[in-house]
PDB file of N, CA and C in Angstrom:
ATOM      1  N   UNK A   1      16.724  23.521  34.839  1.00  0.00           N
ATOM      2  CA  UNK A   1      17.609  23.102  33.768  1.00  0.00           C
ATOM      3  C   UNK A   1      17.413  21.617  33.441  1.00  0.00           C
ATOM      4  N   UNK A   2      17.193  20.801  34.505  1.00  0.00           N
ATOM      5  CA  UNK A   2      16.991  19.371  34.282  1.00  0.00           C
ATOM      6  C   UNK A   2      15.731  19.120  33.460  1.00  0.00           C
ATOM      7  N   UNK A   3      14.690  19.907  33.710  1.00  0.00           N
ATOM      8  CA  UNK A   3      13.427  19.737  32.979  1.00  0.00           C
ATOM      9  C   UNK A   3      13.621  20.018  31.484  1.00  0.00           C
ATOM     10  N   UNK A   4      14.386  21.037  31.179  1.00  0.00           N
ATOM     11  CA  UNK A   4      14.647  21.388  29.778  1.00  0.00           C
ATOM     12  C   UNK A   4      15.440  20.271  29.105  1.00  0.00           C
ATOM     13  N   UNK A   5      16.440  19.742  29.797  1.00  0.00           N
ATOM     14  CA  UNK A   5      17.245  18.653  29.243  1.00  0.00           C
ATOM     15  C   UNK A   5      16.380  17.422  28.986  1.00  0.00           C
ATOM     16  N   UNK A   6      15.538  17.067  29.935  1.00  0.00           N
ATOM     17  CA  UNK A   6      14.646  15.909  29.776  1.00  0.00           C
ATOM     18  C   UNK A   6      13.666  16.154  28.644  1.00  0.00           C
ATOM     19  N   UNK A   7      13.131  17.359  28.565  1.00  0.00           N
ATOM     20  CA  UNK A   7      12.189  17.703  27.501  1.00  0.00           C
ATOM     21  C   UNK A   7      12.856  17.603  26.125  1.00  0.00           C
ATOM     22  N   UNK A   8      14.053  18.113  25.992  1.00  0.00           N
ATOM     23  CA  UNK A   8      14.783  18.027  24.725  1.00  0.00           C
ATOM     24  C   UNK A   8      15.109  16.576  24.363  1.00  0.00           C
ATOM     25  N   UNK A   9      15.487  15.793  25.358  1.00  0.00           N
ATOM     26  CA  UNK A   9      15.772  14.381  25.112  1.00  0.00           C
ATOM     27  C   UNK A   9      14.518  13.655  24.627  1.00  0.00           C
ATOM     28  N   UNK A  10      13.371  13.912  25.263  1.00  0.00           N
ATOM     29  CA  UNK A  10      12.109  13.285  24.852  1.00  0.00           C
ATOM     30  C   UNK A  10      11.726  13.701  23.432  1.00  0.00           C
ATOM     31  N   UNK A  11      11.916  14.972  23.107  1.00  0.00           N
ATOM     32  CA  UNK A  11      11.595  15.455  21.763  1.00  0.00           C
ATOM     33  C   UNK A  11      12.488  14.766  20.728  1.00  0.00           C
ATOM     34  N   UNK A  12      13.766  14.626  21.038  1.00  0.00           N
ATOM     35  CA  UNK A  12      14.692  13.945  20.138  1.00  0.00           C
ATOM     36  C   UNK A  12      14.300  12.483  19.961  1.00  0.00           C
ATOM     37  N   UNK A  13      13.933  11.815  21.060  1.00  0.00           N
ATOM     38  CA  UNK A  13      13.535  10.406  21.012  1.00  0.00           C
ATOM     39  C   UNK A  13      12.273  10.212  20.168  1.00  0.00           C
ATOM     40  N   UNK A  14      11.295  11.098  20.321  1.00  0.00           N
ATOM     41  CA  UNK A  14      10.063  11.009  19.536  1.00  0.00           C
ATOM     42  C   UNK A  14      10.357  11.219  18.050  1.00  0.00           C
ATOM     43  N   UNK A  15      11.218  12.166  17.738  1.00  0.00           N
ATOM     44  CA  UNK A  15      11.587  12.434  16.348  1.00  0.00           C
ATOM     45  C   UNK A  15      12.267  11.216  15.736  1.00  0.00           C
ATOM     46  N   UNK A  16      13.165  10.597  16.489  1.00  0.00           N
ATOM     47  CA  UNK A  16      13.878   9.423  16.010  1.00  0.00           C
ATOM     48  C   UNK A  16      12.920   8.262  15.754  1.00  0.00           C
ATOM     49  N   UNK A  17      11.967   8.036  16.661  1.00  0.00           N
ATOM     50  CA  UNK A  17      10.981   6.961  16.494  1.00  0.00           C
ATOM     51  C   UNK A  17      10.101   7.207  15.272  1.00  0.00           C
ATOM     52  N   UNK A  18       9.664   8.438  15.081  1.00  0.00           N
ATOM     53  CA  UNK A  18       8.819   8.768  13.933  1.00  0.00           C
ATOM     54  C   UNK A  18       9.580   8.563  12.628  1.00  0.00           C
ATOM     55  N   UNK A  19      10.848   8.944  12.603  1.00  0.00           N
ATOM     56  CA  UNK A  19      11.664   8.773  11.403  1.00  0.00           C
ATOM     57  C   UNK A  19      11.852   7.292  11.086  1.00  0.00           C
ATOM     58  N   UNK A  20      12.131   6.476  12.104  1.00  0.00           N
ATOM     59  CA  UNK A  20      12.306   5.036  11.889  1.00  0.00           C
ATOM     60  C   UNK A  20      11.025   4.378  11.424  1.00  0.00           C
ATOM     61  N   UNK A  21       9.882   4.817  11.943  1.00  0.00           N
ATOM     62  CA  UNK A  21       8.598   4.250  11.527  1.00  0.00           C
ATOM     63  C   UNK A  21       8.336   4.539  10.055  1.00  0.00           C
ATOM     64  N   UNK A  22       8.583   5.768   9.627  1.00  0.00           N
ATOM     65  CA  UNK A  22       8.407   6.147   8.224  1.00  0.00           C
ATOM     66  C   UNK A  22       9.371   5.368   7.339  1.00  0.00           C
ATOM     67  N   UNK A  23      10.615   5.240   7.792  1.00  0.00           N
ATOM     68  CA  UNK A  23      11.627   4.525   7.025  1.00  0.00           C
ATOM     69  C   UNK A  23      11.229   3.057   6.852  1.00  0.00           C
ATOM     70  N   UNK A  24      10.716   2.421   7.915  1.00  0.00           N
ATOM     71  CA  UNK A  24      10.307   1.022   7.838  1.00  0.00           C
ATOM     72  C   UNK A  24       9.100   0.837   6.941  1.00  0.00           C
ATOM     73  N   UNK A  25       8.152   1.763   6.963  1.00  0.00           N
ATOM     74  CA  UNK A  25       6.976   1.619   6.106  1.00  0.00           C
ATOM     75  C   UNK A  25       7.357   1.772   4.637  1.00  0.00           C
ATOM     76  N   UNK A  26       8.382   2.595   4.347  1.00  0.00           N
ATOM     77  CA  UNK A  26       8.822   2.759   2.969  1.00  0.00           C
ATOM     78  C   UNK A  26       9.577   1.528   2.486  1.00  0.00           C
ATOM     79  N   UNK A  27      10.233   0.777   3.392  1.00  0.00           N
ATOM     80  CA  UNK A  27      10.949  -0.433   3.014  1.00  0.00           C
ATOM     81  C   UNK A  27       9.989  -1.494   2.507  1.00  0.00           C
ATOM     82  N   UNK A  28       8.770  -1.513   3.036  1.00  0.00           N
ATOM     83  CA  UNK A  28       7.806  -2.547   2.692  1.00  0.00           C
ATOM     84  C   UNK A  28       7.049  -2.241   1.408  1.00  0.00           C
ATOM     85  N   UNK A  29       7.354  -1.138   0.753  1.00  0.00           N
ATOM     86  CA  UNK A  29       6.690  -0.811  -0.512  1.00  0.00           C
ATOM     87  C   UNK A  29       7.159  -1.744  -1.612  1.00  0.00           C
ATOM     88  N   UNK A  30       6.216  -2.177  -2.418  1.00  0.00           N
ATOM     89  CA  UNK A  30       6.528  -2.909  -3.638  1.00  0.00           C
ATOM     90  C   UNK A  30       6.151  -1.990  -4.783  1.00  0.00           C
ATOM     91  N   UNK A  31       7.102  -1.682  -5.652  1.00  0.00           N
ATOM     92  CA  UNK A  31       6.837  -0.809  -6.789  1.00  0.00           C
ATOM     93  C   UNK A  31       6.468  -1.684  -7.983  1.00  0.00           C
ATOM     94  N   UNK A  32       5.331  -1.362  -8.600  1.00  0.00           N
ATOM     95  CA  UNK A  32       4.811  -2.138  -9.714  1.00  0.00           C
ATOM     96  C   UNK A  32       4.683  -1.265 -10.952  1.00  0.00           C
ATOM     97  N   UNK A  33       5.097  -1.792 -12.080  1.00  0.00           N
ATOM     98  CA  UNK A  33       4.974  -1.101 -13.363  1.00  0.00           C
ATOM     99  C   UNK A  33       3.920  -1.828 -14.191  1.00  0.00           C
ATOM    100  N   UNK A  34       2.946  -1.088 -14.689  1.00  0.00           N
ATOM    101  CA  UNK A  34       1.910  -1.667 -15.532  1.00  0.00           C
ATOM    102  C   UNK A  34       2.051  -1.124 -16.944  1.00  0.00           C
ATOM    103  N   UNK A  35       2.013  -2.020 -17.914  1.00  0.00           N
ATOM    104  CA  UNK A  35       1.994  -1.610 -19.309  1.00  0.00           C
ATOM    105  C   UNK A  35       0.579  -1.142 -19.626  1.00  0.00           C
ATOM    106  N   UNK A  36       0.391  -0.469 -20.721  1.00  0.00           N
ATOM    107  CA  UNK A  36      -0.954  -0.039 -21.113  1.00  0.00           C
ATOM    108  C   UNK A  36      -1.903  -1.212 -21.269  1.00  0.00           C
ATOM    109  N   UNK A  37      -3.170  -1.003 -20.942  1.00  0.00           N
ATOM    110  CA  UNK A  37      -4.218  -2.029 -21.037  1.00  0.00           C
ATOM    111  C   UNK A  37      -3.859  -3.292 -20.261  1.00  0.00           C
ATOM    112  N   UNK A  38      -3.412  -3.114 -19.030  1.00  0.00           N
ATOM    113  CA  UNK A  38      -3.000  -4.248 -18.227  1.00  0.00           C
ATOM    114  C   UNK A  38      -3.785  -4.309 -16.925  1.00  0.00           C
ATOM    115  N   UNK A  39      -4.104  -5.520 -16.508  1.00  0.00           N
ATOM    116  CA  UNK A  39      -4.727  -5.786 -15.227  1.00  0.00           C
ATOM    117  C   UNK A  39      -3.803  -6.735 -14.482  1.00  0.00           C
ATOM    118  N   UNK A  40      -3.466  -6.400 -13.248  1.00  0.00           N
ATOM    119  CA  UNK A  40      -2.501  -7.194 -12.506  1.00  0.00           C
ATOM    120  C   UNK A  40      -3.058  -7.560 -11.139  1.00  0.00           C
ATOM    121  N   UNK A  41      -3.065  -8.850 -10.832  1.00  0.00           N
ATOM    122  CA  UNK A  41      -3.439  -9.303  -9.493  1.00  0.00           C
ATOM    123  C   UNK A  41      -2.271  -8.971  -8.571  1.00  0.00           C
ATOM    124  N   UNK A  42      -2.528  -8.174  -7.568  1.00  0.00           N
ATOM    125  CA  UNK A  42      -1.471  -7.749  -6.666  1.00  0.00           C
ATOM    126  C   UNK A  42      -1.337  -8.728  -5.506  1.00  0.00           C
ATOM    127  N   UNK A  43      -2.441  -9.111  -4.929  1.00  0.00           N
ATOM    128  CA  UNK A  43      -2.408 -10.038  -3.805  1.00  0.00           C
ATOM    129  C   UNK A  43      -3.699 -10.830  -3.738  1.00  0.00           C
ATOM    130  N   UNK A  44      -3.611 -12.033  -3.209  1.00  0.00           N
ATOM    131  CA  UNK A  44      -4.796 -12.849  -3.012  1.00  0.00           C
ATOM    132  C   UNK A  44      -4.791 -14.156  -3.774  1.00  0.00           C
ATOM    133  N   UNK A  45      -3.827 -14.352  -4.661  1.00  0.00           N
ATOM    134  CA  UNK A  45      -3.783 -15.594  -5.442  1.00  0.00           C
ATOM    135  C   UNK A  45      -2.936 -16.671  -4.776  1.00  0.00           C
ATOM    136  N   UNK A  46      -1.919 -16.259  -4.042  1.00  0.00           N
ATOM    137  CA  UNK A  46      -1.112 -17.246  -3.339  1.00  0.00           C
ATOM    138  C   UNK A  46       0.374 -17.088  -3.572  1.00  0.00           C
ATOM    139  N   UNK A  47       1.139 -17.954  -2.916  1.00  0.00           N
ATOM    140  CA  UNK A  47       2.600 -17.912  -2.974  1.00  0.00           C
ATOM    141  C   UNK A  47       3.075 -18.076  -4.413  1.00  0.00           C
ATOM    142  N   UNK A  48       3.963 -17.181  -4.822  1.00  0.00           N
ATOM    143  CA  UNK A  48       4.517 -17.245  -6.168  1.00  0.00           C
ATOM    144  C   UNK A  48       3.646 -16.608  -7.233  1.00  0.00           C
ATOM    145  N   UNK A  49       2.422 -16.240  -6.875  1.00  0.00           N
ATOM    146  CA  UNK A  49       1.511 -15.642  -7.851  1.00  0.00           C
ATOM    147  C   UNK A  49       1.202 -14.186  -7.534  1.00  0.00           C
ATOM    148  N   UNK A  50       1.454 -13.764  -6.300  1.00  0.00           N
ATOM    149  CA  UNK A  50       1.160 -12.392  -5.910  1.00  0.00           C
ATOM    150  C   UNK A  50       2.288 -11.463  -6.333  1.00  0.00           C
ATOM    151  N   UNK A  51       1.919 -10.285  -6.818  1.00  0.00           N
ATOM    152  CA  UNK A  51       2.915  -9.288  -7.214  1.00  0.00           C
ATOM    153  C   UNK A  51       3.488  -8.578  -5.991  1.00  0.00           C
ATOM    154  N   UNK A  52       2.720  -8.526  -4.910  1.00  0.00           N
ATOM    155  CA  UNK A  52       3.163  -7.918  -3.659  1.00  0.00           C
ATOM    156  C   UNK A  52       2.734  -8.838  -2.518  1.00  0.00           C
ATOM    157  N   UNK A  53       3.595  -9.035  -1.560  1.00  0.00           N
ATOM    158  CA  UNK A  53       3.296  -9.925  -0.442  1.00  0.00           C
ATOM    159  C   UNK A  53       2.593  -9.141   0.662  1.00  0.00           C
ATOM    160  N   UNK A  54       1.380  -9.598   1.011  1.00  0.00           N
ATOM    161  CA  UNK A  54       0.649  -9.022   2.129  1.00  0.00           C
ATOM    162  C   UNK A  54       0.942  -9.875   3.356  1.00  0.00           C
ATOM    163  N   UNK A  55       1.734  -9.360   4.309  1.00  0.00           N
ATOM    164  CA  UNK A  55       2.061 -10.161   5.489  1.00  0.00           C
ATOM    165  C   UNK A  55       0.849 -10.407   6.394  1.00  0.00           C
ATOM    166  N   UNK A  56      -0.257  -9.727   6.115  1.00  0.00           N
ATOM    167  CA  UNK A  56      -1.475  -9.860   6.927  1.00  0.00           C
ATOM    168  C   UNK A  56      -2.586 -10.550   6.142  1.00  0.00           C
ATOM    169  N   UNK A  57      -2.214 -11.438   5.219  1.00  0.00           N
ATOM    170  CA  UNK A  57      -3.197 -12.048   4.327  1.00  0.00           C
ATOM    171  C   UNK A  57      -4.229 -12.895   5.057  1.00  0.00           C
ATOM    172  N   UNK A  58      -3.919 -13.384   6.245  1.00  0.00           N
ATOM    173  CA  UNK A  58      -4.848 -14.221   6.991  1.00  0.00           C
ATOM    174  C   UNK A  58      -5.721 -13.440   7.955  1.00  0.00           C
ATOM    175  N   UNK A  59      -5.748 -12.125   7.780  1.00  0.00           N
ATOM    176  CA  UNK A  59      -6.579 -11.258   8.617  1.00  0.00           C
ATOM    177  C   UNK A  59      -6.930 -10.003   7.816  1.00  0.00           C
ATOM    178  N   UNK A  60      -7.849  -9.227   8.331  1.00  0.00           N
ATOM    179  CA  UNK A  60      -8.193  -7.967   7.678  1.00  0.00           C
ATOM    180  C   UNK A  60      -6.984  -7.034   7.750  1.00  0.00           C
ATOM    181  N   UNK A  61      -6.785  -6.256   6.696  1.00  0.00           N
ATOM    182  CA  UNK A  61      -5.655  -5.331   6.657  1.00  0.00           C
ATOM    183  C   UNK A  61      -6.006  -4.140   5.779  1.00  0.00           C
ATOM    184  N   UNK A  62      -5.036  -3.251   5.623  1.00  0.00           N
ATOM    185  CA  UNK A  62      -5.164  -2.116   4.718  1.00  0.00           C
ATOM    186  C   UNK A  62      -4.074  -2.225   3.667  1.00  0.00           C
ATOM    187  N   UNK A  63      -4.423  -1.923   2.437  1.00  0.00           N
ATOM    188  CA  UNK A  63      -3.441  -1.793   1.367  1.00  0.00           C
ATOM    189  C   UNK A  63      -3.241  -0.296   1.149  1.00  0.00           C
ATOM    190  N   UNK A  64      -2.013   0.144   1.190  1.00  0.00           N
ATOM    191  CA  UNK A  64      -1.674   1.539   0.913  1.00  0.00           C
ATOM    192  C   UNK A  64      -1.166   1.571  -0.529  1.00  0.00           C
ATOM    193  N   UNK A  65      -1.926   2.214  -1.400  1.00  0.00           N
ATOM    194  CA  UNK A  65      -1.567   2.263  -2.820  1.00  0.00           C
ATOM    195  C   UNK A  65      -1.273   3.710  -3.190  1.00  0.00           C
ATOM    196  N   UNK A  66      -0.046   3.953  -3.638  1.00  0.00           N
ATOM    197  CA  UNK A  66       0.354   5.292  -4.060  1.00  0.00           C
ATOM    198  C   UNK A  66       0.617   5.260  -5.556  1.00  0.00           C
ATOM    199  N   UNK A  67      -0.060   6.123  -6.286  1.00  0.00           N
ATOM    200  CA  UNK A  67       0.136   6.233  -7.729  1.00  0.00           C
ATOM    201  C   UNK A  67       1.362   7.109  -7.958  1.00  0.00           C
ATOM    202  N   UNK A  68       2.468   6.489  -8.360  1.00  0.00           N
ATOM    203  CA  UNK A  68       3.697   7.243  -8.601  1.00  0.00           C
ATOM    204  C   UNK A  68       3.949   7.428 -10.095  1.00  0.00           C
ATOM    205  N   UNK A  69       2.930   7.107 -10.893  1.00  0.00           N
ATOM    206  CA  UNK A  69       3.016   7.296 -12.338  1.00  0.00           C
ATOM    207  C   UNK A  69       2.406   8.617 -12.761  1.00  0.00           C
ATOM    208  N   UNK A  70       2.184   8.745 -14.054  1.00  0.00           N
ATOM    209  CA  UNK A  70       1.663  10.001 -14.613  1.00  0.00           C
ATOM    210  C   UNK A  70       0.218   9.884 -15.077  1.00  0.00           C
ATOM    211  N   UNK A  71      -0.378   8.689 -14.948  1.00  0.00           N
ATOM    212  CA  UNK A  71      -1.757   8.498 -15.387  1.00  0.00           C
ATOM    213  C   UNK A  71      -2.584   7.876 -14.266  1.00  0.00           C
ATOM    214  N   UNK A  72      -3.888   8.051 -14.353  1.00  0.00           N
ATOM    215  CA  UNK A  72      -4.787   7.483 -13.353  1.00  0.00           C
ATOM    216  C   UNK A  72      -4.797   5.965 -13.462  1.00  0.00           C
ATOM    217  N   UNK A  73      -4.838   5.297 -12.317  1.00  0.00           N
ATOM    218  CA  UNK A  73      -4.974   3.852 -12.329  1.00  0.00           C
ATOM    219  C   UNK A  73      -6.168   3.462 -11.468  1.00  0.00           C
ATOM    220  N   UNK A  74      -6.617   2.243 -11.651  1.00  0.00           N
ATOM    221  CA  UNK A  74      -7.795   1.770 -10.947  1.00  0.00           C
ATOM    222  C   UNK A  74      -7.418   0.607 -10.043  1.00  0.00           C
ATOM    223  N   UNK A  75      -7.970   0.610  -8.835  1.00  0.00           N
ATOM    224  CA  UNK A  75      -7.801  -0.497  -7.900  1.00  0.00           C
ATOM    225  C   UNK A  75      -9.123  -1.229  -7.845  1.00  0.00           C
ATOM    226  N   UNK A  76      -9.043  -2.548  -7.957  1.00  0.00           N
ATOM    227  CA  UNK A  76     -10.243  -3.376  -7.930  1.00  0.00           C
ATOM    228  C   UNK A  76     -10.093  -4.397  -6.813  1.00  0.00           C
ATOM    229  N   UNK A  77     -11.153  -4.542  -6.005  1.00  0.00           N
ATOM    230  CA  UNK A  77     -11.167  -5.523  -4.930  1.00  0.00           C
ATOM    231  C   UNK A  77     -12.173  -6.599  -5.314  1.00  0.00           C
ATOM    232  N   UNK A  78     -11.736  -7.875  -5.217  1.00  0.00           N
ATOM    233  CA  UNK A  78     -12.625  -8.991  -5.558  1.00  0.00           C
ATOM    234  C   UNK A  78     -12.687  -9.979  -4.405  1.00  0.00           C
ATOM    235  N   UNK A  79     -13.837 -10.619  -4.286  1.00  0.00           N
ATOM    236  CA  UNK A  79     -14.033 -11.686  -3.324  1.00  0.00           C
ATOM    237  C   UNK A  79     -14.842 -12.788  -3.990  1.00  0.00           C
ATOM    238  N   UNK A  80     -14.256 -13.979  -4.048  1.00  0.00           N
ATOM    239  CA  UNK A  80     -14.920 -15.135  -4.655  1.00  0.00           C
ATOM    240  C   UNK A  80     -15.387 -14.844  -6.081  1.00  0.00           C
ATOM    241  N   UNK A  81     -14.547 -14.142  -6.850  1.00  0.00           N
ATOM    242  CA  UNK A  81     -14.838 -13.867  -8.248  1.00  0.00           C
ATOM    243  C   UNK A  81     -15.732 -12.672  -8.505  1.00  0.00           C
ATOM    244  N   UNK A  82     -16.243 -12.036  -7.452  1.00  0.00           N
ATOM    245  CA  UNK A  82     -17.128 -10.873  -7.627  1.00  0.00           C
ATOM    246  C   UNK A  82     -16.412  -9.597  -7.198  1.00  0.00           C
ATOM    247  N   UNK A  83     -16.561  -8.556  -8.012  1.00  0.00           N
ATOM    248  CA  UNK A  83     -15.964  -7.261  -7.697  1.00  0.00           C
ATOM    249  C   UNK A  83     -16.766  -6.619  -6.571  1.00  0.00           C
ATOM    250  N   UNK A  84     -16.070  -6.265  -5.490  1.00  0.00           N
ATOM    251  CA  UNK A  84     -16.735  -5.624  -4.354  1.00  0.00           C
ATOM    252  C   UNK A  84     -16.502  -4.119  -4.315  1.00  0.00           C
ATOM    253  N   UNK A  85     -15.417  -3.649  -4.966  1.00  0.00           N
ATOM    254  CA  UNK A  85     -15.116  -2.218  -4.940  1.00  0.00           C
ATOM    255  C   UNK A  85     -14.160  -1.875  -6.078  1.00  0.00           C
ATOM    256  N   UNK A  86     -14.323  -0.677  -6.636  1.00  0.00           N
ATOM    257  CA  UNK A  86     -13.401  -0.138  -7.635  1.00  0.00           C
ATOM    258  C   UNK A  86     -13.076   1.291  -7.229  1.00  0.00           C
ATOM    259  N   UNK A  87     -11.783   1.611  -7.228  1.00  0.00           N
ATOM    260  CA  UNK A  87     -11.331   2.919  -6.758  1.00  0.00           C
ATOM    261  C   UNK A  87     -10.335   3.481  -7.759  1.00  0.00           C
ATOM    262  N   UNK A  88     -10.551   4.711  -8.201  1.00  0.00           N
ATOM    263  CA  UNK A  88      -9.609   5.390  -9.092  1.00  0.00           C
ATOM    264  C   UNK A  88      -8.592   6.153  -8.247  1.00  0.00           C
ATOM    265  N   UNK A  89      -7.331   6.078  -8.652  1.00  0.00           N
ATOM    266  CA  UNK A  89      -6.269   6.800  -7.956  1.00  0.00           C
ATOM    267  C   UNK A  89      -5.545   7.670  -8.973  1.00  0.00           C
ATOM    268  N   UNK A  90      -5.598   8.963  -8.757  1.00  0.00           N
ATOM    269  CA  UNK A  90      -4.957   9.930  -9.648  1.00  0.00           C
ATOM    270  C   UNK A  90      -3.448   9.963  -9.412  1.00  0.00           C
ATOM    271  N   UNK A  91      -2.685  10.496 -10.354  1.00  0.00           N
ATOM    272  CA  UNK A  91      -1.240  10.610 -10.170  1.00  0.00           C
ATOM    273  C   UNK A  91      -0.892  11.361  -8.884  1.00  0.00           C
ATOM    274  N   UNK A  92       0.134  10.875  -8.195  1.00  0.00           N
ATOM    275  CA  UNK A  92       0.642  11.448  -6.937  1.00  0.00           C
ATOM    276  C   UNK A  92      -0.353  11.337  -5.785  1.00  0.00           C
ATOM    277  N   UNK A  93      -1.379  10.527  -5.941  1.00  0.00           N
ATOM    278  CA  UNK A  93      -2.382  10.343  -4.897  1.00  0.00           C
ATOM    279  C   UNK A  93      -2.142   9.006  -4.194  1.00  0.00           C
ATOM    280  N   UNK A  94      -2.425   8.975  -2.899  1.00  0.00           N
ATOM    281  CA  UNK A  94      -2.298   7.759  -2.105  1.00  0.00           C
ATOM    282  C   UNK A  94      -3.646   7.433  -1.497  1.00  0.00           C
ATOM    283  N   UNK A  95      -4.023   6.159  -1.530  1.00  0.00           N
ATOM    284  CA  UNK A  95      -5.285   5.716  -0.931  1.00  0.00           C
ATOM    285  C   UNK A  95      -5.013   4.555   0.001  1.00  0.00           C
ATOM    286  N   UNK A  96      -5.697   4.571   1.133  1.00  0.00           N
ATOM    287  CA  UNK A  96      -5.652   3.481   2.108  1.00  0.00           C
ATOM    288  C   UNK A  96      -6.926   2.675   1.907  1.00  0.00           C
ATOM    289  N   UNK A  97      -6.782   1.426   1.492  1.00  0.00           N
ATOM    290  CA  UNK A  97      -7.914   0.612   1.068  1.00  0.00           C
ATOM    291  C   UNK A  97      -8.091  -0.573   2.006  1.00  0.00           C
ATOM    292  N   UNK A  98      -9.317  -0.763   2.473  1.00  0.00           N
ATOM    293  CA  UNK A  98      -9.620  -1.904   3.335  1.00  0.00           C
ATOM    294  C   UNK A  98      -9.519  -3.179   2.503  1.00  0.00           C
ATOM    295  N   UNK A  99      -8.751  -4.118   3.002  1.00  0.00           N
ATOM    296  CA  UNK A  99      -8.576  -5.398   2.327  1.00  0.00           C
ATOM    297  C   UNK A  99      -8.929  -6.495   3.335  1.00  0.00           C
ATOM    298  N   UNK A 100     -10.145  -7.002   3.218  1.00  0.00           N
ATOM    299  CA  UNK A 100     -10.607  -8.019   4.150  1.00  0.00           C
ATOM    300  C   UNK A 100      -9.928  -9.356   3.873  1.00  0.00           C
ATOM    301  N   UNK A 101      -9.938 -10.230   4.854  1.00  0.00           N
ATOM    302  CA  UNK A 101      -9.333 -11.557   4.728  1.00  0.00           C
ATOM    303  C   UNK A 101      -9.889 -12.272   3.497  1.00  0.00           C
ATOM    304  N   UNK A 102      -8.993 -12.871   2.721  1.00  0.00           N
ATOM    305  CA  UNK A 102      -9.327 -13.642   1.517  1.00  0.00           C
ATOM    306  C   UNK A 102      -9.804 -12.796   0.337  1.00  0.00           C
ATOM    307  N   UNK A 103      -9.714 -11.469   0.411  1.00  0.00           N
ATOM    308  CA  UNK A 103     -10.064 -10.620  -0.720  1.00  0.00           C
ATOM    309  C   UNK A 103      -8.843 -10.460  -1.612  1.00  0.00           C
ATOM    310  N   UNK A 104      -9.063 -10.236  -2.893  1.00  0.00           N
ATOM    311  CA  UNK A 104      -7.996 -10.057  -3.865  1.00  0.00           C
ATOM    312  C   UNK A 104      -7.906  -8.598  -4.278  1.00  0.00           C
ATOM    313  N   UNK A 105      -6.698  -8.109  -4.448  1.00  0.00           N
ATOM    314  CA  UNK A 105      -6.441  -6.726  -4.851  1.00  0.00           C
ATOM    315  C   UNK A 105      -5.858  -6.723  -6.258  1.00  0.00           C
ATOM    316  N   UNK A 106      -6.452  -5.957  -7.156  1.00  0.00           N
ATOM    317  CA  UNK A 106      -5.996  -5.838  -8.546  1.00  0.00           C
ATOM    318  C   UNK A 106      -5.700  -4.383  -8.863  1.00  0.00           C
ATOM    319  N   UNK A 107      -4.711  -4.156  -9.725  1.00  0.00           N
ATOM    320  CA  UNK A 107      -4.460  -2.841 -10.307  1.00  0.00           C
ATOM    321  C   UNK A 107      -4.760  -2.931 -11.788  1.00  0.00           C
ATOM    322  N   UNK A 108      -5.487  -1.949 -12.307  1.00  0.00           N
ATOM    323  CA  UNK A 108      -5.844  -1.895 -13.714  1.00  0.00           C
ATOM    324  C   UNK A 108      -5.408  -0.554 -14.282  1.00  0.00           C
ATOM    325  N   UNK A 109      -4.936  -0.585 -15.525  1.00  0.00           N
ATOM    326  CA  UNK A 109      -4.541   0.655 -16.177  1.00  0.00           C
ATOM    327  C   UNK A 109      -4.695   0.531 -17.687  1.00  0.00           C
ATOM    328  N   UNK A 110      -5.218   1.579 -18.289  1.00  0.00           N
ATOM    329  CA  UNK A 110      -5.328   1.622 -19.744  1.00  0.00           C
ATOM    330  C   UNK A 110      -4.090   2.240 -20.369  1.00  0.00           C
ATOM    331  N   UNK A 111      -3.264   2.875 -19.544  1.00  0.00           N
ATOM    332  CA  UNK A 111      -2.018   3.500 -20.000  1.00  0.00           C
ATOM    333  C   UNK A 111      -0.870   2.956 -19.149  1.00  0.00           C
ATOM    334  N   UNK A 112       0.347   3.300 -19.514  1.00  0.00           N
ATOM    335  CA  UNK A 112       1.497   2.929 -18.699  1.00  0.00           C
ATOM    336  C   UNK A 112       1.312   3.570 -17.323  1.00  0.00           C
ATOM    337  N   UNK A 113       1.487   2.780 -16.269  1.00  0.00           N
ATOM    338  CA  UNK A 113       1.280   3.281 -14.905  1.00  0.00           C
ATOM    339  C   UNK A 113       2.316   2.695 -13.969  1.00  0.00           C
ATOM    340  N   UNK A 114       2.470   3.336 -12.815  1.00  0.00           N
ATOM    341  CA  UNK A 114       3.424   2.890 -11.814  1.00  0.00           C
ATOM    342  C   UNK A 114       2.809   3.143 -10.443  1.00  0.00           C
ATOM    343  N   UNK A 115       2.905   2.146  -9.551  1.00  0.00           N
ATOM    344  CA  UNK A 115       2.314   2.281  -8.219  1.00  0.00           C
ATOM    345  C   UNK A 115       3.231   1.661  -7.178  1.00  0.00           C
ATOM    346  N   UNK A 116       3.158   2.197  -5.969  1.00  0.00           N
ATOM    347  CA  UNK A 116       3.843   1.617  -4.812  1.00  0.00           C
ATOM    348  C   UNK A 116       2.765   1.072  -3.890  1.00  0.00           C
ATOM    349  N   UNK A 117       2.911  -0.183  -3.490  1.00  0.00           N
ATOM    350  CA  UNK A 117       1.905  -0.848  -2.663  1.00  0.00           C
ATOM    351  C   UNK A 117       2.569  -1.356  -1.387  1.00  0.00           C
ATOM    352  N   UNK A 118       1.914  -1.105  -0.255  1.00  0.00           N
ATOM    353  CA  UNK A 118       2.350  -1.665   1.021  1.00  0.00           C
ATOM    354  C   UNK A 118       1.127  -2.042   1.824  1.00  0.00           C
ATOM    355  N   UNK A 119       1.320  -2.759   2.901  1.00  0.00           N
ATOM    356  CA  UNK A 119       0.211  -3.261   3.698  1.00  0.00           C
ATOM    357  C   UNK A 119       0.444  -2.969   5.175  1.00  0.00           C
ATOM    358  N   UNK A 120      -0.634  -2.676   5.893  1.00  0.00           N
ATOM    359  CA  UNK A 120      -0.581  -2.471   7.332  1.00  0.00           C
ATOM    360  C   UNK A 120      -1.740  -3.214   7.982  1.00  0.00           C
ATOM    361  N   UNK A 121      -1.565  -3.545   9.247  1.00  0.00           N
ATOM    362  CA  UNK A 121      -2.636  -4.208   9.997  1.00  0.00           C
ATOM    363  C   UNK A 121      -3.811  -3.274  10.166  1.00  0.00           C
ATOM    364  N   UNK A 122      -5.012  -3.856  10.180  1.00  0.00           N
ATOM    365  CA  UNK A 122      -6.190  -3.005  10.417  1.00  0.00           C
ATOM    366  C   UNK A 122      -6.474  -2.903  11.888  1.00  0.00           C
TER     367      UNK A 122
END
């Protein structure tokens, strides 16, 4: 009986930790609205200029970009003025994008678009 009680307690504890982790990652989302034919620097320009704050800007990280709009949007990664990667994200799709130290993240859209952006350590 003790084993079952301990097992149930551990299962409950794991469920609670997983729920809190998901809840915390959703808190760090920045929701961005893009008008048609708009390009927006999301991160990499500096304090007061970034649309979303990357707490890991001084190290390699991942940008989690979820397209919560109805049209496809494009993610562009730049380093020292040169485009290093372009990624299309379809509606309701989420992409985990490598964002190296000092790289800039841009969102581009030819139509009205909406995205949620968050960052995690690599």
